[in-house]
Protein backbone atom coordinates (compact mmCIF):
# COMPACT_ATOMS: atom_id res chain seq x y z
CA MET A 1 147.10 97.48 92.44
CA ALA A 2 147.45 100.81 95.10
CA ALA A 3 144.26 102.14 93.21
CA SER A 4 142.96 99.45 93.89
CA ALA A 5 143.01 99.16 97.14
CA THR A 6 142.30 102.67 98.23
CA ASP A 7 138.48 101.88 97.08
CA GLU A 8 138.32 99.07 99.22
CA THR A 9 139.22 101.19 101.78
CA ILE A 10 136.89 104.06 101.39
CA GLN A 11 134.02 101.23 100.52
CA GLU A 12 134.37 99.95 103.98
CA ALA A 13 135.27 103.44 106.24
CA LEU A 14 131.51 104.23 103.78
CA GLU A 15 129.79 100.77 105.05
CA PRO A 16 128.50 101.50 108.49
CA GLU A 17 130.04 99.27 110.80
CA ASP A 18 126.96 97.28 112.71
CA PRO A 19 125.71 94.27 111.44
CA ALA A 20 121.84 95.85 111.24
CA SER A 21 122.99 99.08 109.68
CA ARG A 22 124.58 97.01 107.19
CA ILE A 23 121.10 94.96 107.02
CA GLU A 24 119.18 97.90 106.32
CA VAL A 25 121.66 99.58 103.90
CA GLN A 26 120.49 96.22 101.97
CA LEU A 27 116.88 96.86 102.23
CA THR A 28 117.31 100.29 101.13
CA ALA A 29 119.16 99.39 97.96
CA GLY A 30 115.92 96.35 97.32
CA GLU A 31 118.98 93.70 97.75
CA PHE A 32 116.39 91.55 99.89
CA ALA A 33 117.38 87.73 99.14
CA ASP A 34 121.06 88.71 100.58
CA ALA A 35 119.00 91.07 102.88
CA ALA A 36 117.58 88.20 104.34
CA THR A 37 119.97 85.93 104.14
CA ALA A 38 121.99 88.51 106.57
CA ALA A 39 119.18 89.03 108.78
CA GLU A 40 118.97 84.67 108.98
CA ALA A 41 122.69 84.93 109.98
CA LEU A 42 122.08 87.89 112.06
CA VAL A 43 119.46 86.62 114.11
CA GLU A 44 121.70 83.21 114.91
CA ASP A 45 124.97 85.01 115.79
CA VAL A 46 122.45 86.82 118.56
CA GLU A 47 120.30 83.84 119.97
CA GLU A 48 124.17 82.93 120.35
CA VAL A 49 124.64 85.84 122.88
CA SER A 50 121.47 85.94 124.58
CA GLY A 51 119.33 82.69 124.45
CA ARG A 52 116.32 82.94 122.05
CA TYR A 53 114.37 85.27 123.97
CA GLY A 54 116.63 88.18 124.61
CA LEU A 55 115.44 91.68 123.73
CA ALA A 56 118.43 91.93 121.12
CA LEU A 57 117.27 89.88 118.95
CA LYS A 58 113.71 92.13 118.01
CA ARG A 59 115.82 93.59 115.55
CA PRO A 60 117.24 91.69 113.41
CA LEU A 61 114.27 89.32 113.12
CA THR A 62 112.20 93.41 112.43
CA LEU A 63 114.61 93.26 109.53
CA LEU A 64 114.26 89.80 108.55
CA GLY A 65 110.33 90.65 108.48
CA ASP A 66 111.34 93.10 106.28
CA ALA A 67 113.61 91.50 103.77
CA LEU A 68 110.88 88.66 103.33
CA LEU A 69 108.45 91.13 102.84
CA GLY A 70 110.13 92.90 99.80
CA MET A 71 111.41 89.48 98.89
CA GLY A 72 107.00 88.55 98.08
CA ASP A 73 107.18 86.57 101.11
CA GLY A 74 103.68 87.73 103.45
CA PRO A 75 103.36 84.23 106.05
CA GLY A 76 107.47 84.21 105.92
CA ALA A 77 107.66 88.22 106.78
CA LEU A 78 104.44 87.83 109.69
CA THR A 79 106.20 84.79 111.28
CA ALA A 80 109.07 87.03 111.71
CA TYR A 81 107.28 89.37 112.84
CA GLU A 82 105.37 87.42 115.29
CA ARG A 83 108.41 86.47 117.24
CA ALA A 84 110.12 90.07 117.20
CA LEU A 85 106.72 91.40 119.21
CA HIS A 86 107.49 87.84 121.22
CA VAL A 87 110.61 88.94 122.55
CA ALA A 88 109.76 92.26 123.48
CA ARG A 89 107.17 90.83 125.08
CA VAL A 90 108.52 89.54 127.21
CA ASN A 91 111.04 91.36 128.00
CA ARG A 92 108.93 94.52 128.35
CA GLY A 93 106.19 93.72 128.92
CA LEU A 94 102.14 93.43 126.73
CA PHE A 95 101.75 96.90 126.47
CA ASP A 96 105.29 98.48 125.50
CA PRO A 97 104.89 101.33 123.15
CA ASP A 98 107.76 100.08 121.42
CA GLN A 99 106.50 96.94 120.20
CA VAL A 100 104.57 99.59 117.37
CA ASP A 101 106.40 99.98 114.68
CA VAL A 102 106.29 95.64 114.40
CA VAL A 103 103.08 96.03 114.55
CA TYR A 104 102.66 98.68 111.83
CA ARG A 105 104.39 96.47 109.83
CA GLU A 106 102.16 93.23 110.59
CA ALA A 107 99.54 95.39 108.97
CA VAL A 108 100.93 96.20 106.35
CA VAL A 109 101.60 92.79 104.99
CA HIS A 110 97.86 91.46 105.74
CA ALA A 111 96.86 94.84 103.65
CA THR A 112 99.35 93.19 101.09
CA MET A 113 98.05 90.16 101.16
CA GLY A 114 94.80 91.48 100.86
CA ASP A 115 93.28 90.35 104.40
CA ARG A 116 92.48 94.26 105.03
CA VAL A 117 90.00 93.04 108.26
CA ALA A 118 93.35 91.50 109.73
CA ALA A 119 94.95 94.85 109.41
CA ASP A 120 92.23 97.12 110.36
CA ALA A 121 92.50 94.72 113.85
CA ARG A 122 96.56 95.05 114.08
CA HIS A 123 96.26 99.06 113.36
CA SER A 124 93.31 98.86 116.67
CA TYR A 125 95.55 96.85 118.44
CA ALA A 126 98.48 99.13 117.91
CA PHE A 127 96.17 102.29 118.90
CA SER A 128 95.60 100.84 121.79
CA VAL A 129 98.64 100.25 123.11
CA LEU A 130 99.88 103.59 122.48
CA LEU A 131 96.83 104.84 124.17
CA ARG A 132 97.58 102.94 127.04
CA ALA A 133 100.63 103.75 127.16
CA TYR A 134 100.66 108.00 126.87
CA GLY A 135 96.37 108.63 127.08
CA ARG A 136 93.73 110.76 125.13
CA GLU A 137 95.73 113.93 125.31
CA ASP A 138 99.40 113.55 124.92
CA ALA A 139 101.26 114.28 122.50
CA ARG A 140 103.20 111.30 122.14
CA LEU A 141 100.20 110.01 120.94
CA VAL A 142 100.25 112.31 117.01
CA PRO A 143 101.95 109.68 115.16
CA GLY A 144 99.39 106.87 116.41
CA LEU A 145 96.55 109.30 115.84
CA PHE A 146 98.16 110.20 112.70
CA THR A 147 98.71 106.26 111.23
CA LEU A 148 94.77 105.41 112.28
CA ALA A 149 93.55 107.92 110.47
CA GLU A 150 95.27 107.83 107.70
CA TRP A 151 94.65 104.06 107.36
CA HIS A 152 90.58 105.04 107.85
CA GLN A 153 91.07 107.33 105.23
CA GLU A 154 92.26 104.89 102.95
CA ASN A 155 89.79 102.58 103.54
CA HIS A 156 87.01 105.40 102.84
CA ARG A 157 86.07 106.12 106.65
CA VAL A 158 85.80 109.35 106.76
CA PHE A 159 83.91 110.16 110.23
CA SER A 160 86.98 108.26 111.82
CA ALA A 161 89.07 109.54 110.06
CA ARG A 162 87.96 112.82 111.16
CA ARG A 163 87.43 112.41 114.33
CA LEU A 164 91.12 111.49 114.98
CA PHE A 165 92.29 114.67 112.63
CA ASP A 166 90.51 116.08 114.89
CA ARG A 167 92.53 114.93 117.65
CA VAL A 168 95.93 115.87 116.56
CA VAL A 169 94.51 119.29 116.05
CA THR A 170 93.43 119.44 119.69
CA ILE A 171 96.24 118.15 121.01
CA ALA A 172 98.57 120.55 118.51
CA ALA A 173 96.86 123.63 119.48
CA SER A 174 97.52 123.71 122.95
CA GLN A 175 101.02 121.56 123.49
CA LEU A 176 103.10 122.08 120.10
CA PRO A 177 104.85 125.63 119.20
CA PRO A 178 103.45 127.40 116.65
CA GLY A 179 103.08 127.13 113.23
CA ASP A 180 104.29 123.22 113.94
CA PRO A 181 103.81 120.78 110.82
CA ARG A 182 102.07 118.46 112.51
CA MET A 183 98.64 121.29 113.01
CA ILE A 184 98.72 121.96 109.04
CA ARG A 185 99.16 118.04 108.48
CA ALA A 186 95.92 117.71 110.63
CA LEU A 187 94.03 120.18 108.94
CA ARG A 188 94.87 119.11 105.70
CA GLY A 189 93.06 115.51 106.24
CA VAL A 190 90.21 117.17 108.59
CA ALA A 191 89.43 119.06 105.15
CA ALA A 192 90.47 115.48 102.94
CA THR A 193 87.91 113.75 105.15
CA PHE A 194 85.28 116.33 103.82
CA ARG A 195 85.80 116.50 100.21
CA ASP A 196 85.95 112.25 100.52
CA GLU A 197 82.26 113.17 101.69
CA ARG A 198 81.59 114.57 98.47
CA PHE A 199 83.92 113.02 96.20
CA PRO A 200 84.36 109.87 97.94
CA ARG A 201 87.70 108.18 96.06
CA ASN A 202 87.53 104.31 94.02
CA VAL A 203 86.99 101.04 96.45
CA SER A 204 90.22 99.74 96.50
CA ALA A 205 90.15 96.43 94.24
CA THR A 206 91.56 94.30 96.72
CA ARG A 207 89.01 94.59 99.51
CA ASN A 208 87.23 91.97 100.44
CA ARG A 209 83.77 91.20 101.73
CA ALA A 210 84.71 91.19 105.41
CA ALA A 211 86.12 95.06 104.97
CA MET A 212 82.84 95.95 103.22
CA SER A 213 80.88 95.23 106.16
CA SER A 214 83.22 96.81 108.90
CA TYR A 215 82.83 99.85 106.29
CA ARG A 216 79.19 99.61 106.67
CA ASP A 217 79.60 99.39 110.28
CA THR A 218 82.11 102.04 110.97
CA ASN A 219 79.37 104.02 108.83
CA ARG A 220 76.17 103.04 109.16
CA ASN A 221 73.04 105.37 110.86
CA ARG A 222 75.46 109.04 109.74
CA ALA A 223 74.39 110.39 107.02
CA VAL A 224 76.13 112.27 104.46
CA ASP A 225 76.60 115.50 104.88
CA VAL A 226 76.61 116.96 101.16
CA ASN A 227 76.87 120.62 102.15
CA ASN A 228 80.53 120.04 103.51
CA PHE A 229 81.77 123.26 101.89
CA ALA A 230 82.20 125.60 104.63
CA PRO A 231 84.36 123.54 107.18
CA GLY A 232 86.96 122.15 105.05
CA GLU A 233 87.28 125.85 103.26
CA ARG A 234 87.72 127.21 106.73
CA ALA A 235 90.12 124.04 107.27
CA LEU A 236 92.08 125.10 104.40
CA ILE A 237 92.49 129.09 105.14
CA THR A 238 93.95 128.32 108.16
CA VAL A 239 96.77 126.13 106.70
CA ILE A 240 97.35 128.96 104.09
CA ASN A 241 97.47 131.37 106.99
CA LEU A 242 99.68 129.46 108.97
CA HIS A 243 102.03 129.11 105.88
CA GLN A 244 102.44 133.64 106.13
CA GLU A 245 102.72 133.56 110.04
CA ASN A 246 105.60 131.53 109.63
CA PRO A 247 108.96 133.33 109.24
CA ASP A 248 110.55 130.08 107.09
CA SER A 249 107.53 129.21 105.31
CA THR A 250 108.64 129.67 101.59
CA ASP A 251 106.44 131.22 98.46
CA VAL A 252 106.44 127.48 97.31
CA ASP A 253 104.59 126.48 100.84
CA ILE A 254 102.33 129.39 100.22
CA ALA A 255 101.92 127.94 97.03
CA ASP A 256 100.75 124.92 97.89
CA GLY A 257 98.76 125.43 100.64
CA MET A 258 96.88 128.30 98.57
CA LEU A 259 96.81 125.66 95.21
CA GLU A 260 94.10 123.25 97.71
CA LEU A 261 92.22 126.12 98.49
CA ALA A 262 91.35 126.73 94.55
CA ASP A 263 91.19 122.62 94.05
CA TRP A 264 88.67 122.94 96.64
CA TYR A 265 86.81 125.96 95.36
CA LEU A 266 86.84 124.28 92.04
CA LEU A 267 85.52 121.15 93.39
CA PHE A 268 82.61 122.79 94.37
CA GLU A 269 82.37 125.37 91.35
CA LYS A 270 83.07 128.44 93.50
CA TYR A 271 84.50 129.72 89.76
CA ASP A 272 85.45 133.05 91.14
CA ARG A 273 87.28 131.93 94.20
CA ALA A 274 89.56 129.55 92.50
CA PHE A 275 90.68 131.16 89.43
CA ALA A 276 91.63 133.90 91.27
CA LEU A 277 93.82 131.73 93.94
CA TYR A 278 94.64 130.08 90.79
CA GLU A 279 96.47 133.61 89.87
CA ARG A 280 98.13 134.12 92.76
CA VAL A 281 99.84 130.74 92.89
CA TRP A 282 101.29 131.11 89.43
CA GLN A 283 102.93 134.15 90.61
CA LEU A 284 104.41 133.11 93.80
CA LEU A 285 105.19 130.14 90.91
CA GLU A 286 107.45 132.58 88.34
CA GLU A 287 110.64 131.81 90.07
CA ASP A 288 110.14 128.28 89.48
CA THR A 289 108.82 127.93 86.15
CA ALA A 290 109.22 123.64 86.32
CA ARG A 291 107.17 123.62 89.27
CA ARG A 292 105.06 125.49 87.15
CA ASP A 293 105.13 124.24 84.29
CA ALA A 294 104.28 120.64 85.97
CA THR A 295 101.05 122.47 88.27
CA PHE A 296 99.51 124.26 85.35
CA GLY A 297 100.72 123.05 82.08
CA ALA A 298 98.26 119.98 81.78
CA PRO A 299 94.79 119.08 83.36
CA THR A 300 95.15 117.21 86.47
CA ALA A 301 92.66 114.80 87.92
CA LEU A 302 90.37 116.48 90.96
CA TYR A 303 88.53 114.17 91.50
CA LEU A 304 88.68 111.26 88.35
CA PRO A 305 85.92 108.17 89.33
CA PHE A 306 86.30 103.99 88.76
CA PRO A 307 84.08 101.63 88.61
CA PRO A 308 85.17 98.48 90.88
CA ASN A 309 86.51 94.76 88.89
CA PRO A 310 84.05 93.10 87.30
CA LYS A 311 82.57 90.88 90.13
CA LEU A 312 84.40 87.61 90.15
CA PRO A 313 82.66 83.66 89.66
CA ASP A 314 82.29 82.44 92.88
CA ASP A 315 84.07 78.94 90.83
CA VAL A 316 87.22 80.77 89.20
CA ARG A 317 88.47 77.72 86.84
CA LEU A 318 90.75 80.17 84.39
CA GLU A 319 92.98 82.30 85.55
CA PRO A 320 92.13 85.76 86.52
CA GLN A 321 93.36 88.30 83.59
CA THR A 322 93.59 92.16 83.78
CA GLY A 323 91.95 94.53 81.08
CA ILE A 324 92.41 97.60 79.97
CA VAL A 325 90.74 100.52 78.98
CA GLU A 326 91.51 103.70 77.33
CA LEU A 327 89.57 107.01 76.77
CA ALA A 328 90.88 110.81 76.03
CA LEU A 329 88.65 113.34 77.16
CA ALA A 330 88.42 117.07 76.14
CA VAL A 331 88.44 118.95 79.25
CA SER A 332 87.17 122.29 79.07
CA ASP A 333 88.48 125.56 81.10
CA ARG A 334 86.37 125.02 84.04
CA GLY A 335 87.31 121.77 84.67
CA LYS A 336 84.84 120.03 83.29
CA VAL A 337 84.27 116.75 81.16
CA GLU A 338 82.55 118.15 77.97
CA GLU A 339 83.84 115.34 75.19
CA LEU A 340 85.23 111.57 76.05
CA ASP A 341 86.46 108.63 73.16
CA THR A 342 87.48 105.66 74.11
CA VAL A 343 91.00 104.81 71.90
CA ARG A 344 91.26 101.09 73.31
CA SER A 345 89.52 98.53 75.18
CA GLU A 346 90.20 94.94 75.86
CA PRO A 347 88.06 93.29 75.92
CA ALA A 348 85.72 94.49 73.90
CA GLY A 349 82.66 96.15 76.02
CA LEU A 350 83.35 94.78 79.37
CA MET A 351 83.53 97.68 81.10
CA ASP A 352 83.58 100.63 78.16
CA PHE A 353 80.14 101.96 79.34
CA ARG A 354 80.46 101.65 83.19
CA LEU A 355 83.67 103.27 82.82
CA ARG A 356 82.33 106.66 80.26
CA LYS A 357 79.65 106.89 82.89
CA LEU A 358 81.60 107.39 85.38
CA VAL A 359 84.11 109.76 83.92
CA ARG A 360 81.47 112.64 82.82
CA ARG A 361 81.59 113.58 86.17
CA ALA A 362 85.70 113.95 87.06
CA ARG A 363 86.42 116.99 87.78
CA TYR A 364 89.59 119.02 86.95
CA ARG A 365 92.55 121.51 87.44
CA PRO A 366 91.84 123.08 84.25
CA ALA A 367 95.44 123.56 82.09
CA PHE A 368 96.95 127.26 82.32
CA VAL A 369 98.56 129.90 79.34
CA ASP A 370 99.54 133.10 80.80
CA ALA A 371 98.00 132.37 84.42
CA GLU A 372 94.36 131.49 82.25
CA PRO A 373 92.70 128.99 82.12
CA VAL A 374 92.23 127.38 78.82
CA ALA A 375 90.32 124.00 77.61
CA ALA A 376 92.66 121.07 76.81
CA ALA A 377 91.85 118.19 74.40
CA ASP A 378 93.03 114.50 73.89
CA VAL A 379 93.81 114.33 78.13
CA PRO A 380 93.91 110.70 78.21
CA VAL A 381 92.62 108.21 80.92
CA GLU A 382 93.69 104.80 81.47
CA TYR A 383 91.77 102.07 83.43
CA ARG A 384 92.74 98.49 84.15
CA PHE A 385 90.94 95.67 86.16
CA VAL A 386 90.94 91.65 86.69
CA TYR A 387 88.14 89.76 84.96
CA VAL A 388 88.21 86.44 84.22
CA PRO A 389 87.60 85.70 80.78
CA GLU A 390 84.26 83.30 79.85
CA GLU A 391 84.49 79.73 79.02
CA ALA A 392 84.27 78.58 75.60
CA ASP A 393 81.82 76.96 74.04
CA GLU A 394 81.67 73.05 73.92
CA THR A 395 82.18 71.49 70.59
């Protein structure tokens, strides 16, 4: 009995006294239903003290939205977030930047529900609030610049993303301390936009027509610059230099920077430069064999294009199904696909040809043995897609 009492005492000491903090612990543990119940009760308790528009309601309403989102209730989450925003605006004004965390949550809900146009609008609104509050050159704008840049990057708007990453670089150069990790993050973002321009990521299967239209509008009249090797190279070289100049950088930090530049060289078929850097990375990771094995033990896809889902009929009468194609590739010691075999295809013949045609363009960081690149066989590729089966003929 005494041991049980002691255990309970320890547990009570570990649990946060603040009800909102306890809900955050539940959310972290994935206990969304319990968190939602507790958040609803907390909202009621706070209302009794502060009224329906008290600023103290913002946090519990936000937690309620988080819990409902975790349960898969997107509309319920939006209702909670909208009320949290209303409370914030009533108390602090329409353009107070403290509301932005909730607006970002709304964007996540819209994206999760497949409405990227609405998510776009929330990201744009959040950034406009931050811009109004801080101005274009204030370092406090940097988190918002990253969030919007990475959202554009996720949605294949490389030019918009690049402008924002470039602005972070400018702000960091004048206002942040030397070696600040935000400068490195921004430079890597700049390089990634040049990579994505030349080796575009796969179009998300959840993107709807309106979002695609937005993408075309954003990038219309912009010529794709396939000669984008040099600016991306410069950004990644600067990242390595910043790591080497920082006395707190480890060999792993420097190796990560060199690895990214080596991958860049490989994509652009600068093989001598790539393999010289890979050898240096191998040496830097000599004391961390687990990381070295994870980096070089098997081919790693650097560019692996997949086709979009088959076009769904306007009148969907049957339940959409998930199809799968599995391939086995032979990857050369320079990371190119030399051969490929179809291991599995369900339904047979629906997506095999389109997938095989694209995967032939894939580029891999090859496997290495004793710091030397080697060819590899039976490299697996799995592609899943959504389709609507054809209706059986009526007899």
